[in-house]
All heavy atoms as atom14 arrays in JSON, in Angstrom:
{
  "sequence": "LGNAMLMGALESVEAENITGLMKLRKFMSEYAVMATIDFGACIIS",
  "atom14_mask": [
    [1, 1, 1, 1, 1, 1, 1, 1, 0, 0, 0, 0, 0, 0],
    [1, 1, 1, 1, 0, 0, 0, 0, 0, 0, 0, 0, 0, 0],
    [1, 1, 1, 1, 1, 1, 1, 1, 0, 0, 0, 0, 0, 0],
    [1, 1, 1, 1, 1, 0, 0, 0, 0, 0, 0, 0, 0, 0],
    [1, 1, 1, 1, 1, 1, 1, 1, 0, 0, 0, 0, 0, 0],
    [1, 1, 1, 1, 1, 1, 1, 1, 0, 0, 0, 0, 0, 0],
    [1, 1, 1, 1, 1, 1, 1, 1, 0, 0, 0, 0, 0, 0],
    [1, 1, 1, 1, 0, 0, 0, 0, 0, 0, 0, 0, 0, 0],
    [1, 1, 1, 1, 1, 0, 0, 0, 0, 0, 0, 0, 0, 0],
    [1, 1, 1, 1, 1, 1, 1, 1, 0, 0, 0, 0, 0, 0],
    [1, 1, 1, 1, 1, 1, 1, 1, 1, 0, 0, 0, 0, 0],
    [1, 1, 1, 1, 1, 1, 0, 0, 0, 0, 0, 0, 0, 0],
    [1, 1, 1, 1, 1, 1, 1, 0, 0, 0, 0, 0, 0, 0],
    [1, 1, 1, 1, 1, 1, 1, 1, 1, 0, 0, 0, 0, 0],
    [1, 1, 1, 1, 1, 0, 0, 0, 0, 0, 0, 0, 0, 0],
    [1, 1, 1, 1, 1, 1, 1, 1, 1, 0, 0, 0, 0, 0],
    [1, 1, 1, 1, 1, 1, 1, 1, 0, 0, 0, 0, 0, 0],
    [1, 1, 1, 1, 1, 1, 1, 1, 0, 0, 0, 0, 0, 0],
    [1, 1, 1, 1, 1, 1, 1, 0, 0, 0, 0, 0, 0, 0],
    [1, 1, 1, 1, 0, 0, 0, 0, 0, 0, 0, 0, 0, 0],
    [1, 1, 1, 1, 1, 1, 1, 1, 0, 0, 0, 0, 0, 0],
    [1, 1, 1, 1, 1, 1, 1, 1, 0, 0, 0, 0, 0, 0],
    [1, 1, 1, 1, 1, 1, 1, 1, 1, 0, 0, 0, 0, 0],
    [1, 1, 1, 1, 1, 1, 1, 1, 0, 0, 0, 0, 0, 0],
    [1, 1, 1, 1, 1, 1, 1, 1, 1, 1, 1, 0, 0, 0],
    [1, 1, 1, 1, 1, 1, 1, 1, 1, 0, 0, 0, 0, 0],
    [1, 1, 1, 1, 1, 1, 1, 1, 1, 1, 1, 0, 0, 0],
    [1, 1, 1, 1, 1, 1, 1, 1, 0, 0, 0, 0, 0, 0],
    [1, 1, 1, 1, 1, 1, 0, 0, 0, 0, 0, 0, 0, 0],
    [1, 1, 1, 1, 1, 1, 1, 1, 1, 0, 0, 0, 0, 0],
    [1, 1, 1, 1, 1, 1, 1, 1, 1, 1, 1, 1, 0, 0],
    [1, 1, 1, 1, 1, 0, 0, 0, 0, 0, 0, 0, 0, 0],
    [1, 1, 1, 1, 1, 1, 1, 0, 0, 0, 0, 0, 0, 0],
    [1, 1, 1, 1, 1, 1, 1, 1, 0, 0, 0, 0, 0, 0],
    [1, 1, 1, 1, 1, 0, 0, 0, 0, 0, 0, 0, 0, 0],
    [1, 1, 1, 1, 1, 1, 1, 0, 0, 0, 0, 0, 0, 0],
    [1, 1, 1, 1, 1, 1, 1, 1, 0, 0, 0, 0, 0, 0],
    [1, 1, 1, 1, 1, 1, 1, 1, 0, 0, 0, 0, 0, 0],
    [1, 1, 1, 1, 1, 1, 1, 1, 1, 1, 1, 0, 0, 0],
    [1, 1, 1, 1, 0, 0, 0, 0, 0, 0, 0, 0, 0, 0],
    [1, 1, 1, 1, 1, 0, 0, 0, 0, 0, 0, 0, 0, 0],
    [1, 1, 1, 1, 1, 1, 0, 0, 0, 0, 0, 0, 0, 0],
    [1, 1, 1, 1, 1, 1, 1, 1, 0, 0, 0, 0, 0, 0],
    [1, 1, 1, 1, 1, 1, 1, 1, 0, 0, 0, 0, 0, 0],
    [1, 1, 1, 1, 1, 1, 0, 0, 0, 0, 0, 0, 0, 0]
  ],
  "atom14_positions": [
    [[0.77, -1.17, -0.01], [0.03, -0.01, 0.05], [0.86, 1.23, 0.02], [0.58, 2.25, -0.67], [-0.94, -0.02, 1.24], [-2.02, -1.12, 1.06], [-2.79, -1.11, 2.48], [-3.04, -0.73, 0.01], [0.0, 0.0, 0.0], [0.0, 0.0, 0.0], [0.0, 0.0, 0.0], [0.0, 0.0, 0.0], [0.0, 0.0, 0.0], [0.0, 0.0, 0.0]],
    [[1.95, 1.2, 0.8], [2.87, 2.32, 0.77], [3.49, 2.63, -0.6], [3.63, 3.66, -1.07], [0.0, 0.0, 0.0], [0.0, 0.0, 0.0], [0.0, 0.0, 0.0], [0.0, 0.0, 0.0], [0.0, 0.0, 0.0], [0.0, 0.0, 0.0], [0.0, 0.0, 0.0], [0.0, 0.0, 0.0], [0.0, 0.0, 0.0], [0.0, 0.0, 0.0]],
    [[3.86, 1.5, -1.22], [4.47, 1.61, -2.59], [3.44, 2.11, -3.6], [3.8, 2.92, -4.39], [4.97, 0.19, -3.05], [5.53, 0.18, -4.37], [6.55, 0.78, -4.68], [4.81, -0.36, -5.36], [0.0, 0.0, 0.0], [0.0, 0.0, 0.0], [0.0, 0.0, 0.0], [0.0, 0.0, 0.0], [0.0, 0.0, 0.0], [0.0, 0.0, 0.0]],
    [[2.24, 1.7, -3.5], [1.25, 2.2, -4.41], [0.97, 3.72, -4.16], [0.83, 4.4, -5.23], [-0.14, 1.53, -4.11], [0.0, 0.0, 0.0], [0.0, 0.0, 0.0], [0.0, 0.0, 0.0], [0.0, 0.0, 0.0], [0.0, 0.0, 0.0], [0.0, 0.0, 0.0], [0.0, 0.0, 0.0], [0.0, 0.0, 0.0], [0.0, 0.0, 0.0]],
    [[1.1, 4.14, -2.95], [1.02, 5.61, -2.77], [2.09, 6.44, -3.42], [1.87, 7.38, -4.15], [0.96, 5.85, -1.27], [-0.28, 5.44, -0.5], [-0.09, 5.54, 1.38], [0.18, 7.35, 1.49], [0.0, 0.0, 0.0], [0.0, 0.0, 0.0], [0.0, 0.0, 0.0], [0.0, 0.0, 0.0], [0.0, 0.0, 0.0], [0.0, 0.0, 0.0]],
    [[3.22, 5.93, -3.18], [4.51, 6.58, -3.75], [4.55, 6.61, -5.24], [4.82, 7.56, -5.83], [5.74, 6.04, -3.13], [5.97, 6.15, -1.57], [7.18, 5.39, -1.05], [6.17, 7.68, -1.26], [0.0, 0.0, 0.0], [0.0, 0.0, 0.0], [0.0, 0.0, 0.0], [0.0, 0.0, 0.0], [0.0, 0.0, 0.0], [0.0, 0.0, 0.0]],
    [[4.25, 5.37, -5.79], [4.26, 5.22, -7.24], [3.13, 6.1, -7.87], [3.39, 6.7, -8.98], [4.12, 3.86, -7.71], [5.32, 2.98, -7.36], [6.81, 3.48, -8.31], [6.48, 2.98, -9.86], [0.0, 0.0, 0.0], [0.0, 0.0, 0.0], [0.0, 0.0, 0.0], [0.0, 0.0, 0.0], [0.0, 0.0, 0.0], [0.0, 0.0, 0.0]],
    [[2.02, 6.15, -7.21], [0.96, 7.02, -7.66], [1.28, 8.52, -7.74], [1.07, 9.19, -8.69], [0.0, 0.0, 0.0], [0.0, 0.0, 0.0], [0.0, 0.0, 0.0], [0.0, 0.0, 0.0], [0.0, 0.0, 0.0], [0.0, 0.0, 0.0], [0.0, 0.0, 0.0], [0.0, 0.0, 0.0], [0.0, 0.0, 0.0], [0.0, 0.0, 0.0]],
    [[2.0, 8.93, -6.68], [2.59, 10.38, -6.65], [3.58, 10.52, -7.78], [3.53, 11.54, -8.49], [3.14, 10.64, -5.37], [0.0, 0.0, 0.0], [0.0, 0.0, 0.0], [0.0, 0.0, 0.0], [0.0, 0.0, 0.0], [0.0, 0.0, 0.0], [0.0, 0.0, 0.0], [0.0, 0.0, 0.0], [0.0, 0.0, 0.0], [0.0, 0.0, 0.0]],
    [[4.46, 9.64, -7.93], [5.46, 9.69, -9.03], [4.83, 9.74, -10.42], [5.22, 10.6, -11.23], [6.43, 8.48, -8.96], [7.7, 8.69, -8.17], [8.46, 7.31, -8.08], [8.59, 9.79, -8.88], [0.0, 0.0, 0.0], [0.0, 0.0, 0.0], [0.0, 0.0, 0.0], [0.0, 0.0, 0.0], [0.0, 0.0, 0.0], [0.0, 0.0, 0.0]],
    [[3.92, 8.96, -10.67], [3.22, 8.9, -11.95], [2.49, 10.14, -12.24], [2.4, 10.64, -13.41], [2.33, 7.64, -12.12], [3.23, 6.41, -12.24], [2.47, 5.07, -12.01], [1.22, 5.15, -11.85], [3.02, 4.0, -12.05], [0.0, 0.0, 0.0], [0.0, 0.0, 0.0], [0.0, 0.0, 0.0], [0.0, 0.0, 0.0], [0.0, 0.0, 0.0]],
    [[1.84, 10.72, -11.22], [1.09, 11.93, -11.32], [2.03, 13.06, -11.76], [1.73, 13.87, -12.62], [0.27, 12.16, -10.03], [-0.31, 13.52, -10.15], [0.0, 0.0, 0.0], [0.0, 0.0, 0.0], [0.0, 0.0, 0.0], [0.0, 0.0, 0.0], [0.0, 0.0, 0.0], [0.0, 0.0, 0.0], [0.0, 0.0, 0.0], [0.0, 0.0, 0.0]],
    [[3.2, 13.15, -11.05], [4.16, 14.22, -11.31], [4.8, 14.07, -12.67], [4.99, 15.02, -13.42], [5.26, 14.13, -10.19], [6.46, 14.98, -10.68], [4.68, 14.68, -8.93], [0.0, 0.0, 0.0], [0.0, 0.0, 0.0], [0.0, 0.0, 0.0], [0.0, 0.0, 0.0], [0.0, 0.0, 0.0], [0.0, 0.0, 0.0], [0.0, 0.0, 0.0]],
    [[5.13, 12.83, -13.07], [5.64, 12.51, -14.42], [4.75, 13.01, -15.49], [5.31, 13.48, -16.62], [5.97, 11.05, -14.53], [7.24, 10.55, -13.8], [7.5, 9.11, -14.01], [6.59, 8.31, -14.02], [8.63, 8.82, -14.23], [0.0, 0.0, 0.0], [0.0, 0.0, 0.0], [0.0, 0.0, 0.0], [0.0, 0.0, 0.0], [0.0, 0.0, 0.0]],
    [[3.49, 12.97, -15.33], [2.5, 13.27, -16.35], [2.37, 14.75, -16.55], [1.81, 15.26, -17.55], [1.15, 12.67, -16.04], [0.0, 0.0, 0.0], [0.0, 0.0, 0.0], [0.0, 0.0, 0.0], [0.0, 0.0, 0.0], [0.0, 0.0, 0.0], [0.0, 0.0, 0.0], [0.0, 0.0, 0.0], [0.0, 0.0, 0.0], [0.0, 0.0, 0.0]],
    [[2.82, 15.57, -15.65], [2.7, 17.01, -15.7], [3.63, 17.58, -16.71], [4.83, 17.15, -16.89], [2.98, 17.64, -14.34], [1.85, 17.3, -13.36], [1.91, 18.22, -12.18], [2.04, 19.48, -12.28], [1.72, 17.72, -11.09], [0.0, 0.0, 0.0], [0.0, 0.0, 0.0], [0.0, 0.0, 0.0], [0.0, 0.0, 0.0], [0.0, 0.0, 0.0]],
    [[3.23, 18.67, -17.44], [4.09, 19.34, -18.39], [4.87, 20.42, -17.78], [4.64, 21.7, -17.9], [3.13, 19.87, -19.53], [3.92, 20.42, -20.65], [5.1, 20.04, -20.94], [3.39, 21.46, -21.4], [0.0, 0.0, 0.0], [0.0, 0.0, 0.0], [0.0, 0.0, 0.0], [0.0, 0.0, 0.0], [0.0, 0.0, 0.0], [0.0, 0.0, 0.0]],
    [[5.77, 20.11, -16.96], [6.74, 20.98, -16.3], [8.17, 20.52, -16.4], [8.43, 19.36, -16.85], [6.3, 21.04, -14.74], [6.22, 19.74, -14.09], [4.98, 21.85, -14.59], [5.84, 19.77, -12.56], [0.0, 0.0, 0.0], [0.0, 0.0, 0.0], [0.0, 0.0, 0.0], [0.0, 0.0, 0.0], [0.0, 0.0, 0.0], [0.0, 0.0, 0.0]],
    [[9.09, 21.31, -15.93], [10.53, 20.87, -16.03], [10.92, 19.82, -15.08], [10.15, 19.5, -14.07], [11.37, 22.07, -15.61], [11.28, 22.48, -14.32], [11.14, 23.34, -16.59], [0.0, 0.0, 0.0], [0.0, 0.0, 0.0], [0.0, 0.0, 0.0], [0.0, 0.0, 0.0], [0.0, 0.0, 0.0], [0.0, 0.0, 0.0], [0.0, 0.0, 0.0]],
    [[12.03, 19.15, -15.34], [12.43, 18.09, -14.49], [12.61, 18.58, -13.08], [12.34, 17.82, -12.08], [0.0, 0.0, 0.0], [0.0, 0.0, 0.0], [0.0, 0.0, 0.0], [0.0, 0.0, 0.0], [0.0, 0.0, 0.0], [0.0, 0.0, 0.0], [0.0, 0.0, 0.0], [0.0, 0.0, 0.0], [0.0, 0.0, 0.0], [0.0, 0.0, 0.0]],
    [[13.15, 19.78, -12.9], [13.35, 20.38, -11.58], [12.07, 20.5, -10.82], [11.98, 20.13, -9.64], [14.08, 21.69, -11.69], [14.37, 22.39, -10.38], [15.46, 21.66, -9.61], [14.74, 23.82, -10.57], [0.0, 0.0, 0.0], [0.0, 0.0, 0.0], [0.0, 0.0, 0.0], [0.0, 0.0, 0.0], [0.0, 0.0, 0.0], [0.0, 0.0, 0.0]],
    [[11.07, 21.03, -11.48], [9.74, 21.12, -10.81], [9.2, 19.84, -10.54], [8.49, 19.66, -9.43], [8.78, 21.93, -11.71], [9.21, 23.4, -11.78], [9.46, 24.3, -10.28], [7.8, 24.09, -9.52], [0.0, 0.0, 0.0], [0.0, 0.0, 0.0], [0.0, 0.0, 0.0], [0.0, 0.0, 0.0], [0.0, 0.0, 0.0], [0.0, 0.0, 0.0]],
    [[9.32, 18.83, -11.38], [8.82, 17.46, -11.0], [9.51, 16.92, -9.8], [8.94, 16.36, -8.98], [9.13, 16.58, -12.24], [8.13, 16.86, -13.48], [8.39, 15.82, -14.61], [7.49, 16.17, -15.78], [7.72, 15.25, -16.92], [0.0, 0.0, 0.0], [0.0, 0.0, 0.0], [0.0, 0.0, 0.0], [0.0, 0.0, 0.0], [0.0, 0.0, 0.0]],
    [[10.8, 17.13, -9.77], [11.59, 16.59, -8.64], [11.12, 17.31, -7.42], [10.89, 16.64, -6.32], [13.07, 16.85, -8.79], [14.01, 16.28, -7.72], [13.9, 14.82, -7.7], [15.49, 16.77, -8.03], [0.0, 0.0, 0.0], [0.0, 0.0, 0.0], [0.0, 0.0, 0.0], [0.0, 0.0, 0.0], [0.0, 0.0, 0.0], [0.0, 0.0, 0.0]],
    [[10.86, 18.64, -7.4], [10.44, 19.33, -6.19], [9.09, 18.84, -5.71], [8.84, 18.62, -4.52], [10.41, 20.77, -6.51], [11.78, 21.56, -6.36], [11.6, 22.97, -6.65], [12.88, 23.58, -6.48], [13.28, 24.8, -7.03], [12.41, 25.5, -7.83], [14.38, 25.35, -6.83], [0.0, 0.0, 0.0], [0.0, 0.0, 0.0], [0.0, 0.0, 0.0]],
    [[8.18, 18.6, -6.73], [6.83, 18.21, -6.39], [6.76, 16.83, -5.72], [6.13, 16.58, -4.83], [5.92, 18.33, -7.62], [5.58, 19.69, -8.12], [4.42, 19.8, -9.09], [3.12, 19.57, -8.38], [2.05, 19.87, -9.29], [0.0, 0.0, 0.0], [0.0, 0.0, 0.0], [0.0, 0.0, 0.0], [0.0, 0.0, 0.0], [0.0, 0.0, 0.0]],
    [[7.59, 15.92, -6.36], [7.6, 14.6, -5.79], [8.23, 14.64, -4.44], [7.78, 13.92, -3.49], [8.42, 13.67, -6.71], [8.55, 12.31, -5.99], [7.52, 11.45, -5.82], [9.77, 11.79, -5.7], [7.6, 10.25, -5.12], [9.97, 10.65, -5.06], [8.85, 9.77, -4.81], [0.0, 0.0, 0.0], [0.0, 0.0, 0.0], [0.0, 0.0, 0.0]],
    [[9.32, 15.31, -4.25], [10.06, 15.32, -2.98], [8.99, 15.84, -1.83], [8.99, 15.42, -0.64], [11.24, 16.22, -2.99], [12.39, 15.56, -3.65], [13.75, 16.72, -4.05], [14.32, 17.02, -2.38], [0.0, 0.0, 0.0], [0.0, 0.0, 0.0], [0.0, 0.0, 0.0], [0.0, 0.0, 0.0], [0.0, 0.0, 0.0], [0.0, 0.0, 0.0]],
    [[8.24, 16.88, -2.19], [7.23, 17.36, -1.25], [6.24, 16.35, -0.87], [5.87, 16.2, 0.29], [6.58, 18.61, -1.88], [5.62, 19.21, -0.94], [0.0, 0.0, 0.0], [0.0, 0.0, 0.0], [0.0, 0.0, 0.0], [0.0, 0.0, 0.0], [0.0, 0.0, 0.0], [0.0, 0.0, 0.0], [0.0, 0.0, 0.0], [0.0, 0.0, 0.0]],
    [[5.75, 15.59, -1.92], [4.72, 14.6, -1.67], [5.37, 13.44, -0.85], [4.67, 12.85, 0.07], [4.21, 13.99, -3.01], [3.36, 14.96, -3.74], [2.1, 15.41, -2.96], [1.56, 14.55, -2.34], [1.8, 16.53, -3.02], [0.0, 0.0, 0.0], [0.0, 0.0, 0.0], [0.0, 0.0, 0.0], [0.0, 0.0, 0.0], [0.0, 0.0, 0.0]],
    [[6.56, 13.07, -1.18], [7.26, 12.01, -0.4], [7.44, 12.36, 1.08], [7.15, 11.5, 1.89], [8.61, 11.86, -1.06], [9.32, 10.54, -0.59], [9.24, 9.32, -1.38], [10.13, 10.47, 0.5], [10.0, 8.24, -1.01], [10.75, 9.34, 0.96], [10.68, 8.2, 0.13], [11.45, 7.06, 0.54], [0.0, 0.0, 0.0], [0.0, 0.0, 0.0]],
    [[7.74, 13.58, 1.39], [7.95, 14.04, 2.66], [6.62, 13.87, 3.5], [6.59, 13.57, 4.57], [8.51, 15.46, 2.74], [0.0, 0.0, 0.0], [0.0, 0.0, 0.0], [0.0, 0.0, 0.0], [0.0, 0.0, 0.0], [0.0, 0.0, 0.0], [0.0, 0.0, 0.0], [0.0, 0.0, 0.0], [0.0, 0.0, 0.0], [0.0, 0.0, 0.0]],
    [[5.59, 14.27, 2.86], [4.26, 14.18, 3.45], [3.98, 12.7, 3.74], [3.5, 12.34, 4.9], [3.12, 14.82, 2.52], [1.75, 14.58, 3.19], [3.3, 16.37, 2.46], [0.0, 0.0, 0.0], [0.0, 0.0, 0.0], [0.0, 0.0, 0.0], [0.0, 0.0, 0.0], [0.0, 0.0, 0.0], [0.0, 0.0, 0.0], [0.0, 0.0, 0.0]],
    [[4.1, 11.86, 2.78], [3.87, 10.42, 2.98], [4.71, 9.74, 4.0], [4.34, 8.8, 4.62], [4.01, 9.69, 1.62], [2.94, 10.03, 0.54], [3.14, 9.16, -0.92], [2.04, 10.12, -1.99], [0.0, 0.0, 0.0], [0.0, 0.0, 0.0], [0.0, 0.0, 0.0], [0.0, 0.0, 0.0], [0.0, 0.0, 0.0], [0.0, 0.0, 0.0]],
    [[5.93, 10.34, 4.25], [6.8, 9.87, 5.29], [6.22, 9.98, 6.6], [6.76, 9.38, 7.62], [8.15, 10.51, 5.18], [0.0, 0.0, 0.0], [0.0, 0.0, 0.0], [0.0, 0.0, 0.0], [0.0, 0.0, 0.0], [0.0, 0.0, 0.0], [0.0, 0.0, 0.0], [0.0, 0.0, 0.0], [0.0, 0.0, 0.0], [0.0, 0.0, 0.0]],
    [[5.13, 10.76, 6.75], [4.57, 11.0, 8.18], [3.28, 10.25, 8.3], [2.69, 10.43, 9.43], [4.42, 12.48, 8.37], [3.32, 12.96, 7.39], [5.66, 13.27, 8.05], [0.0, 0.0, 0.0], [0.0, 0.0, 0.0], [0.0, 0.0, 0.0], [0.0, 0.0, 0.0], [0.0, 0.0, 0.0], [0.0, 0.0, 0.0], [0.0, 0.0, 0.0]],
    [[2.79, 9.63, 7.39], [1.43, 8.95, 7.44], [1.53, 7.4, 7.15], [2.26, 6.94, 6.38], [0.41, 9.56, 6.57], [0.89, 9.6, 5.1], [0.1, 11.07, 6.99], [-0.14, 10.13, 4.09], [0.0, 0.0, 0.0], [0.0, 0.0, 0.0], [0.0, 0.0, 0.0], [0.0, 0.0, 0.0], [0.0, 0.0, 0.0], [0.0, 0.0, 0.0]],
    [[0.7, 6.7, 7.95], [0.59, 5.24, 7.9], [1.37, 4.51, 6.85], [2.54, 4.2, 7.05], [-0.95, 4.86, 7.9], [-1.77, 5.54, 6.79], [-1.25, 5.63, 5.74], [-2.8, 6.03, 7.19], [0.0, 0.0, 0.0], [0.0, 0.0, 0.0], [0.0, 0.0, 0.0], [0.0, 0.0, 0.0], [0.0, 0.0, 0.0], [0.0, 0.0, 0.0]],
    [[0.78, 4.12, 5.73], [1.42, 3.24, 4.81], [2.65, 3.77, 4.13], [3.64, 3.1, 3.8], [0.45, 2.63, 3.77], [-0.77, 2.07, 4.42], [-2.06, 2.48, 4.21], [-0.57, 1.0, 5.33], [-3.09, 1.9, 4.77], [-1.68, 0.4, 5.95], [-2.97, 0.9, 5.63], [0.0, 0.0, 0.0], [0.0, 0.0, 0.0], [0.0, 0.0, 0.0]],
    [[2.66, 5.07, 3.9], [3.86, 5.77, 3.38], [5.01, 5.7, 4.25], [6.12, 5.38, 3.91], [0.0, 0.0, 0.0], [0.0, 0.0, 0.0], [0.0, 0.0, 0.0], [0.0, 0.0, 0.0], [0.0, 0.0, 0.0], [0.0, 0.0, 0.0], [0.0, 0.0, 0.0], [0.0, 0.0, 0.0], [0.0, 0.0, 0.0], [0.0, 0.0, 0.0]],
    [[4.77, 5.86, 5.63], [5.75, 5.77, 6.65], [6.25, 4.28, 6.79], [7.4, 4.09, 6.97], [5.21, 6.25, 7.95], [0.0, 0.0, 0.0], [0.0, 0.0, 0.0], [0.0, 0.0, 0.0], [0.0, 0.0, 0.0], [0.0, 0.0, 0.0], [0.0, 0.0, 0.0], [0.0, 0.0, 0.0], [0.0, 0.0, 0.0], [0.0, 0.0, 0.0]],
    [[5.38, 3.38, 6.45], [5.8, 1.98, 6.59], [6.91, 1.58, 5.55], [7.87, 0.99, 5.95], [4.55, 0.99, 6.3], [3.28, 1.0, 7.59], [0.0, 0.0, 0.0], [0.0, 0.0, 0.0], [0.0, 0.0, 0.0], [0.0, 0.0, 0.0], [0.0, 0.0, 0.0], [0.0, 0.0, 0.0], [0.0, 0.0, 0.0], [0.0, 0.0, 0.0]],
    [[6.82, 1.97, 4.3], [7.73, 1.63, 3.31], [9.08, 2.39, 3.62], [10.1, 1.82, 3.19], [7.18, 1.83, 1.94], [8.1, 1.02, 0.91], [7.29, 3.4, 1.54], [7.49, 1.08, -0.45], [0.0, 0.0, 0.0], [0.0, 0.0, 0.0], [0.0, 0.0, 0.0], [0.0, 0.0, 0.0], [0.0, 0.0, 0.0], [0.0, 0.0, 0.0]],
    [[9.01, 3.43, 4.27], [10.2, 4.18, 4.56], [10.85, 3.79, 5.82], [12.05, 3.79, 5.98], [9.79, 5.69, 4.67], [9.36, 6.22, 3.29], [10.95, 6.58, 5.17], [8.7, 7.56, 3.32], [0.0, 0.0, 0.0], [0.0, 0.0, 0.0], [0.0, 0.0, 0.0], [0.0, 0.0, 0.0], [0.0, 0.0, 0.0], [0.0, 0.0, 0.0]],
    [[10.05, 3.42, 6.92], [10.59, 3.16, 8.19], [10.81, 1.77, 8.56], [11.66, 1.45, 9.41], [9.61, 3.73, 9.25], [9.34, 5.21, 9.04], [0.0, 0.0, 0.0], [0.0, 0.0, 0.0], [0.0, 0.0, 0.0], [0.0, 0.0, 0.0], [0.0, 0.0, 0.0], [0.0, 0.0, 0.0], [0.0, 0.0, 0.0], [0.0, 0.0, 0.0]]
  ]
}
C-alpha cells in the first residue's frame, strides 16, 4: 500500500508538463508528506 501511494505520486508528477526540476520538487514534497502517514511511513521506516 505504501508503494502504491508513492508510485501514484510519481506517475502523477511525471505526467505534468513541467521541467524536471519542478517534477523533482513536487515529488519530494509529496514523499515528505507520505513519510509521516501510515502506509507511506511503513515503506520508509
